[in-house]
């Protein structure tokens, strides 16, 4: 038990260190000027997919984290566009929603926003949480690191708060070395970046 607690403490510390070295992780975050050009369209997409209470600041913060609102972004591992879909994920998603190969366009801003919001909804419908915040946290972890890993962790957690499920990272199926990035992803989006987009809609805070 002591060894497990030490391992979890090390993972949490590593996640915090990752956040500390990410540019823009400071308390005050500037919204990229380019983001404003997509605000109206993202709002329409979110309302269409999630309803009028869609957590738009969460989606905006997620795009901010993924690509800095750059439609031409390409990661070192090949993820593309504003939503940073890997080619295989993009192909799978397009097949799932009935898009042709020609219409599967990760570098197209509209495609990227529709796919991020739609995939988030698909994940949200497959995760659970003690609160809305916990469920969004689970959704974001699944977007970043895979739904299956999160589900295995949740199945062994003592409860469905994000803290309890996160404590299982590195003990279920995911290698512990990947936990810092995966746990840091929702932390940065919900805690650091989301408030910068408060003018775009209601911010979801812990406890809600």
C-alpha atoms as a PDB file:
ATOM      1  CA  UNK A   1       0.000   0.000   0.000  1.00  0.00           C
ATOM      2  CA  UNK A   2       2.801   2.422   0.915  1.00  0.00           C
ATOM      3  CA  UNK A   3       4.550   1.677  -2.353  1.00  0.00           C
ATOM      4  CA  UNK A   4       1.328   2.332  -4.296  1.00  0.00           C
ATOM      5  CA  UNK A   5       0.789   5.638  -2.512  1.00  0.00           C
ATOM      6  CA  UNK A   6       4.340   6.701  -3.283  1.00  0.00           C
ATOM      7  CA  UNK A   7       3.853   5.770  -6.938  1.00  0.00           C
ATOM      8  CA  UNK A   8       0.646   7.819  -7.168  1.00  0.00           C
ATOM      9  CA  UNK A   9       2.302  10.788  -5.446  1.00  0.00           C
ATOM     10  CA  UNK A  10       5.147  10.612  -7.952  1.00  0.00           C
ATOM     11  CA  UNK A  11       2.688  10.589 -10.861  1.00  0.00           C
ATOM     12  CA  UNK A  12       0.794  13.606  -9.509  1.00  0.00           C
ATOM     13  CA  UNK A  13       4.065  15.474  -8.985  1.00  0.00           C
ATOM     14  CA  UNK A  14       5.173  14.654 -12.515  1.00  0.00           C
ATOM     15  CA  UNK A  15       1.871  15.930 -13.899  1.00  0.00           C
ATOM     16  CA  UNK A  16       2.278  19.167 -11.972  1.00  0.00           C
ATOM     17  CA  UNK A  17       5.817  19.569 -13.287  1.00  0.00           C
ATOM     18  CA  UNK A  18       4.587  19.014 -16.840  1.00  0.00           C
ATOM     19  CA  UNK A  19       2.019  21.772 -16.381  1.00  0.00           C
ATOM     20  CA  UNK A  20       4.641  24.084 -14.955  1.00  0.00           C
ATOM     21  CA  UNK A  21       6.799  23.867 -18.077  1.00  0.00           C
ATOM     22  CA  UNK A  22       3.988  24.148 -20.624  1.00  0.00           C
ATOM     23  CA  UNK A  23       4.027  27.622 -22.208  1.00  0.00           C
ATOM     24  CA  UNK A  24       0.939  29.531 -21.139  1.00  0.00           C
ATOM     25  CA  UNK A  25       0.353  27.460 -18.006  1.00  0.00           C
ATOM     26  CA  UNK A  26       0.413  30.598 -15.889  1.00  0.00           C
ATOM     27  CA  UNK A  27      -2.714  31.864 -14.152  1.00  0.00           C
ATOM     28  CA  UNK A  28      -3.546  34.421 -16.860  1.00  0.00           C
ATOM     29  CA  UNK A  29      -3.976  32.932 -20.339  1.00  0.00           C
ATOM     30  CA  UNK A  30      -4.299  35.019 -23.483  1.00  0.00           C
ATOM     31  CA  UNK A  31      -6.802  33.823 -26.066  1.00  0.00           C
ATOM     32  CA  UNK A  32      -5.072  33.634 -29.465  1.00  0.00           C
ATOM     33  CA  UNK A  33      -6.344  36.324 -31.812  1.00  0.00           C
ATOM     34  CA  UNK A  34      -7.129  33.648 -34.393  1.00  0.00           C
ATOM     35  CA  UNK A  35      -9.618  31.996 -32.011  1.00  0.00           C
ATOM     36  CA  UNK A  36     -12.140  34.805 -32.358  1.00  0.00           C
ATOM     37  CA  UNK A  37     -12.629  34.001 -36.044  1.00  0.00           C
ATOM     38  CA  UNK A  38     -13.991  30.583 -35.061  1.00  0.00           C
ATOM     39  CA  UNK A  39     -16.075  31.539 -32.036  1.00  0.00           C
ATOM     40  CA  UNK A  40     -19.451  31.812 -33.788  1.00  0.00           C
ATOM     41  CA  UNK A  41     -19.006  28.587 -35.747  1.00  0.00           C
ATOM     42  CA  UNK A  42     -17.831  26.629 -32.705  1.00  0.00           C
ATOM     43  CA  UNK A  43     -20.861  27.898 -30.796  1.00  0.00           C
ATOM     44  CA  UNK A  44     -23.242  26.747 -33.553  1.00  0.00           C
ATOM     45  CA  UNK A  45     -21.565  23.335 -33.753  1.00  0.00           C
ATOM     46  CA  UNK A  46     -21.619  22.872 -29.973  1.00  0.00           C
ATOM     47  CA  UNK A  47     -25.281  23.841 -29.662  1.00  0.00           C
ATOM     48  CA  UNK A  48     -26.201  21.513 -32.521  1.00  0.00           C
ATOM     49  CA  UNK A  49     -24.373  18.550 -30.979  1.00  0.00           C
ATOM     50  CA  UNK A  50     -24.758  19.132 -27.219  1.00  0.00           C
ATOM     51  CA  UNK A  51     -27.760  21.428 -26.913  1.00  0.00           C
ATOM     52  CA  UNK A  52     -28.011  24.996 -25.676  1.00  0.00           C
ATOM     53  CA  UNK A  53     -26.155  24.203 -22.433  1.00  0.00           C
ATOM     54  CA  UNK A  54     -23.074  22.956 -24.304  1.00  0.00           C
ATOM     55  CA  UNK A  55     -19.816  23.570 -22.365  1.00  0.00           C
ATOM     56  CA  UNK A  56     -18.363  25.788 -25.082  1.00  0.00           C
ATOM     57  CA  UNK A  57     -15.439  27.123 -22.989  1.00  0.00           C
ATOM     58  CA  UNK A  58     -14.296  23.514 -22.494  1.00  0.00           C
ATOM     59  CA  UNK A  59     -14.213  22.880 -26.248  1.00  0.00           C
ATOM     60  CA  UNK A  60     -12.464  26.189 -26.898  1.00  0.00           C
ATOM     61  CA  UNK A  61      -9.869  25.438 -24.228  1.00  0.00           C
ATOM     62  CA  UNK A  62      -9.357  21.975 -25.701  1.00  0.00           C
ATOM     63  CA  UNK A  63      -8.674  23.387 -29.174  1.00  0.00           C
ATOM     64  CA  UNK A  64      -6.355  25.926 -27.543  1.00  0.00           C
ATOM     65  CA  UNK A  65      -4.439  23.081 -25.900  1.00  0.00           C
ATOM     66  CA  UNK A  66      -4.410  20.832 -28.957  1.00  0.00           C
ATOM     67  CA  UNK A  67      -3.249  23.269 -31.603  1.00  0.00           C
ATOM     68  CA  UNK A  68      -3.402  26.869 -30.448  1.00  0.00           C
ATOM     69  CA  UNK A  69      -6.192  27.272 -33.039  1.00  0.00           C
ATOM     70  CA  UNK A  70      -3.800  26.501 -35.906  1.00  0.00           C
ATOM     71  CA  UNK A  71      -5.567  24.572 -38.728  1.00  0.00           C
ATOM     72  CA  UNK A  72      -2.212  23.586 -40.228  1.00  0.00           C
ATOM     73  CA  UNK A  73      -0.777  22.156 -36.999  1.00  0.00           C
ATOM     74  CA  UNK A  74       1.014  18.809 -37.301  1.00  0.00           C
ATOM     75  CA  UNK A  75       2.446  17.108 -34.220  1.00  0.00           C
ATOM     76  CA  UNK A  76       5.688  15.150 -34.125  1.00  0.00           C
ATOM     77  CA  UNK A  77       3.664  11.918 -34.120  1.00  0.00           C
ATOM     78  CA  UNK A  78       1.455  12.928 -37.045  1.00  0.00           C
ATOM     79  CA  UNK A  79      -1.694  14.342 -35.409  1.00  0.00           C
ATOM     80  CA  UNK A  80      -3.199  16.980 -37.674  1.00  0.00           C
ATOM     81  CA  UNK A  81      -5.324  20.100 -37.629  1.00  0.00           C
ATOM     82  CA  UNK A  82      -6.961  22.137 -34.900  1.00  0.00           C
ATOM     83  CA  UNK A  83      -8.320  19.041 -33.160  1.00  0.00           C
ATOM     84  CA  UNK A  84      -5.087  17.034 -33.630  1.00  0.00           C
ATOM     85  CA  UNK A  85      -6.701  13.820 -34.839  1.00  0.00           C
ATOM     86  CA  UNK A  86      -4.306  11.025 -35.698  1.00  0.00           C
ATOM     87  CA  UNK A  87      -4.861   9.711 -39.265  1.00  0.00           C
ATOM     88  CA  UNK A  88      -6.260   6.392 -38.026  1.00  0.00           C
ATOM     89  CA  UNK A  89      -8.626   8.142 -35.604  1.00  0.00           C
ATOM     90  CA  UNK A  90      -9.781  10.533 -38.319  1.00  0.00           C
ATOM     91  CA  UNK A  91     -10.513   7.609 -40.660  1.00  0.00           C
ATOM     92  CA  UNK A  92     -12.390   5.755 -37.926  1.00  0.00           C
ATOM     93  CA  UNK A  93     -14.410   8.831 -36.986  1.00  0.00           C
ATOM     94  CA  UNK A  94     -15.339   9.654 -40.583  1.00  0.00           C
ATOM     95  CA  UNK A  95     -16.495   6.081 -41.110  1.00  0.00           C
ATOM     96  CA  UNK A  96     -18.521   6.222 -37.887  1.00  0.00           C
ATOM     97  CA  UNK A  97     -20.359   9.398 -38.882  1.00  0.00           C
ATOM     98  CA  UNK A  98     -20.735   8.456 -42.544  1.00  0.00           C
ATOM     99  CA  UNK A  99     -18.272  10.850 -44.167  1.00  0.00           C
ATOM    100  CA  UNK A 100     -16.532   9.926 -47.397  1.00  0.00           C
ATOM    101  CA  UNK A 101     -12.752   9.855 -47.692  1.00  0.00           C
ATOM    102  CA  UNK A 102     -12.909  13.095 -49.658  1.00  0.00           C
ATOM    103  CA  UNK A 103     -14.829  14.762 -46.831  1.00  0.00           C
ATOM    104  CA  UNK A 104     -12.445  13.534 -44.122  1.00  0.00           C
ATOM    105  CA  UNK A 105     -10.337  16.689 -43.757  1.00  0.00           C
ATOM    106  CA  UNK A 106      -8.461  17.115 -40.448  1.00  0.00           C
ATOM    107  CA  UNK A 107      -6.877  20.365 -41.643  1.00  0.00           C
ATOM    108  CA  UNK A 108     -10.247  21.910 -42.417  1.00  0.00           C
ATOM    109  CA  UNK A 109     -11.245  24.089 -39.420  1.00  0.00           C
ATOM    110  CA  UNK A 110     -14.945  23.242 -39.712  1.00  0.00           C
ATOM    111  CA  UNK A 111     -14.226  19.511 -39.899  1.00  0.00           C
ATOM    112  CA  UNK A 112     -11.851  19.813 -36.943  1.00  0.00           C
ATOM    113  CA  UNK A 113     -14.366  21.613 -34.731  1.00  0.00           C
ATOM    114  CA  UNK A 114     -17.244  19.312 -35.677  1.00  0.00           C
ATOM    115  CA  UNK A 115     -15.109  16.250 -35.080  1.00  0.00           C
ATOM    116  CA  UNK A 116     -13.721  17.415 -31.738  1.00  0.00           C
ATOM    117  CA  UNK A 117     -17.154  18.380 -30.425  1.00  0.00           C
ATOM    118  CA  UNK A 118     -18.741  15.231 -31.848  1.00  0.00           C
ATOM    119  CA  UNK A 119     -16.052  12.887 -30.570  1.00  0.00           C
ATOM    120  CA  UNK A 120     -16.231  14.570 -27.170  1.00  0.00           C
ATOM    121  CA  UNK A 121     -19.987  13.867 -27.142  1.00  0.00           C
ATOM    122  CA  UNK A 122     -19.376  10.241 -28.140  1.00  0.00           C
ATOM    123  CA  UNK A 123     -16.898   9.860 -25.280  1.00  0.00           C
ATOM    124  CA  UNK A 124     -19.073  11.769 -22.787  1.00  0.00           C
ATOM    125  CA  UNK A 125     -21.893   9.317 -23.439  1.00  0.00           C
ATOM    126  CA  UNK A 126     -19.557   6.439 -22.525  1.00  0.00           C
ATOM    127  CA  UNK A 127     -17.993   7.739 -19.319  1.00  0.00           C
ATOM    128  CA  UNK A 128     -19.463   8.381 -15.888  1.00  0.00           C
ATOM    129  CA  UNK A 129     -18.607  10.706 -13.041  1.00  0.00           C
ATOM    130  CA  UNK A 130     -19.776  11.846  -9.641  1.00  0.00           C
ATOM    131  CA  UNK A 131     -20.439  15.318 -11.085  1.00  0.00           C
ATOM    132  CA  UNK A 132     -20.548  16.976 -14.503  1.00  0.00           C
ATOM    133  CA  UNK A 133     -17.003  18.198 -13.883  1.00  0.00           C
ATOM    134  CA  UNK A 134     -15.815  14.657 -13.138  1.00  0.00           C
ATOM    135  CA  UNK A 135     -17.505  13.389 -16.278  1.00  0.00           C
ATOM    136  CA  UNK A 136     -15.928  16.086 -18.464  1.00  0.00           C
ATOM    137  CA  UNK A 137     -12.580  15.271 -16.845  1.00  0.00           C
ATOM    138  CA  UNK A 138     -13.076  11.620 -17.816  1.00  0.00           C
ATOM    139  CA  UNK A 139     -14.088  12.630 -21.338  1.00  0.00           C
ATOM    140  CA  UNK A 140     -10.921  14.672 -21.779  1.00  0.00           C
ATOM    141  CA  UNK A 141      -8.682  11.939 -20.397  1.00  0.00           C
ATOM    142  CA  UNK A 142     -10.301   9.522 -22.848  1.00  0.00           C
ATOM    143  CA  UNK A 143      -9.792  11.926 -25.771  1.00  0.00           C
ATOM    144  CA  UNK A 144      -6.122  12.192 -24.888  1.00  0.00           C
ATOM    145  CA  UNK A 145      -5.299   8.654 -23.846  1.00  0.00           C
ATOM    146  CA  UNK A 146      -8.050   6.316 -24.960  1.00  0.00           C
ATOM    147  CA  UNK A 147     -11.452   5.369 -23.590  1.00  0.00           C
ATOM    148  CA  UNK A 148     -10.479   1.785 -22.790  1.00  0.00           C
ATOM    149  CA  UNK A 149      -7.706   2.802 -20.399  1.00  0.00           C
ATOM    150  CA  UNK A 150     -10.022   5.141 -18.495  1.00  0.00           C
ATOM    151  CA  UNK A 151     -12.754   2.485 -18.271  1.00  0.00           C
ATOM    152  CA  UNK A 152     -10.353  -0.035 -16.743  1.00  0.00           C
ATOM    153  CA  UNK A 153      -9.213   2.525 -14.174  1.00  0.00           C
ATOM    154  CA  UNK A 154     -12.807   3.483 -13.328  1.00  0.00           C
ATOM    155  CA  UNK A 155     -13.722  -0.168 -12.813  1.00  0.00           C
ATOM    156  CA  UNK A 156     -11.224  -0.431  -9.948  1.00  0.00           C
ATOM    157  CA  UNK A 157     -11.708   3.047  -8.416  1.00  0.00           C
ATOM    158  CA  UNK A 158     -13.327   3.427  -5.003  1.00  0.00           C
ATOM    159  CA  UNK A 159     -15.730   6.053  -6.393  1.00  0.00           C
ATOM    160  CA  UNK A 160     -16.292   8.033  -9.588  1.00  0.00           C
ATOM    161  CA  UNK A 161     -14.691  11.338  -8.631  1.00  0.00           C
ATOM    162  CA  UNK A 162     -11.855  12.187 -10.986  1.00  0.00           C
ATOM    163  CA  UNK A 163      -9.374  11.972  -8.128  1.00  0.00           C
ATOM    164  CA  UNK A 164     -10.339   8.398  -7.282  1.00  0.00           C
ATOM    165  CA  UNK A 165     -10.194   7.249 -10.897  1.00  0.00           C
ATOM    166  CA  UNK A 166      -6.949   9.120 -11.567  1.00  0.00           C
ATOM    167  CA  UNK A 167      -5.388   7.325  -8.596  1.00  0.00           C
ATOM    168  CA  UNK A 168      -5.712   4.082 -10.579  1.00  0.00           C
ATOM    169  CA  UNK A 169      -3.608   5.373 -13.467  1.00  0.00           C
ATOM    170  CA  UNK A 170      -0.581   3.142 -13.861  1.00  0.00           C
ATOM    171  CA  UNK A 171      -2.225   0.302 -11.943  1.00  0.00           C
ATOM    172  CA  UNK A 172      -4.827  -0.905 -14.451  1.00  0.00           C
ATOM    173  CA  UNK A 173      -3.644  -1.113 -18.075  1.00  0.00           C
ATOM    174  CA  UNK A 174      -1.832   2.144 -18.786  1.00  0.00           C
ATOM    175  CA  UNK A 175       1.917   2.262 -18.146  1.00  0.00           C
ATOM    176  CA  UNK A 176       2.695   4.679 -15.309  1.00  0.00           C
ATOM    177  CA  UNK A 177       5.094   6.648 -17.517  1.00  0.00           C
ATOM    178  CA  UNK A 178       2.111   7.862 -19.595  1.00  0.00           C
ATOM    179  CA  UNK A 179       0.094   9.051 -16.599  1.00  0.00           C
ATOM    180  CA  UNK A 180       1.668  12.481 -16.183  1.00  0.00           C
ATOM    181  CA  UNK A 181       0.603  13.610 -19.648  1.00  0.00           C
ATOM    182  CA  UNK A 182      -2.831  12.014 -19.466  1.00  0.00           C
ATOM    183  CA  UNK A 183      -3.654  13.416 -16.011  1.00  0.00           C
ATOM    184  CA  UNK A 184      -2.248  16.807 -16.926  1.00  0.00           C
ATOM    185  CA  UNK A 185      -4.439  17.123 -20.032  1.00  0.00           C
ATOM    186  CA  UNK A 186      -7.828  17.724 -18.324  1.00  0.00           C
ATOM    187  CA  UNK A 187      -6.104  19.725 -15.589  1.00  0.00           C
ATOM    188  CA  UNK A 188      -4.747  22.201 -18.109  1.00  0.00           C
ATOM    189  CA  UNK A 189      -7.994  22.441 -20.071  1.00  0.00           C
ATOM    190  CA  UNK A 190     -10.485  22.681 -17.202  1.00  0.00           C
ATOM    191  CA  UNK A 191      -8.367  24.539 -14.657  1.00  0.00           C
ATOM    192  CA  UNK A 192      -5.841  26.633 -16.581  1.00  0.00           C
ATOM    193  CA  UNK A 193      -7.384  27.390 -19.972  1.00  0.00           C
ATOM    194  CA  UNK A 194     -11.169  27.182 -19.616  1.00  0.00           C
ATOM    195  CA  UNK A 195     -11.549  30.441 -17.701  1.00  0.00           C
ATOM    196  CA  UNK A 196      -9.888  32.357 -20.544  1.00  0.00           C
ATOM    197  CA  UNK A 197     -12.982  31.521 -22.610  1.00  0.00           C
ATOM    198  CA  UNK A 198     -15.527  32.464 -19.935  1.00  0.00           C
ATOM    199  CA  UNK A 199     -16.986  35.043 -22.302  1.00  0.00           C
ATOM    200  CA  UNK A 200     -17.944  32.256 -24.699  1.00  0.00           C
ATOM    201  CA  UNK A 201     -20.297  30.478 -22.295  1.00  0.00           C
ATOM    202  CA  UNK A 202     -20.690  29.052 -18.809  1.00  0.00           C
ATOM    203  CA  UNK A 203     -17.512  27.717 -17.212  1.00  0.00           C
ATOM    204  CA  UNK A 204     -17.797  24.293 -15.583  1.00  0.00           C
ATOM    205  CA  UNK A 205     -16.084  24.277 -12.198  1.00  0.00           C
ATOM    206  CA  UNK A 206     -15.277  21.484  -9.784  1.00  0.00           C
ATOM    207  CA  UNK A 207     -18.254  20.430  -7.699  1.00  0.00           C
ATOM    208  CA  UNK A 208     -20.774  21.066 -10.487  1.00  0.00           C
END
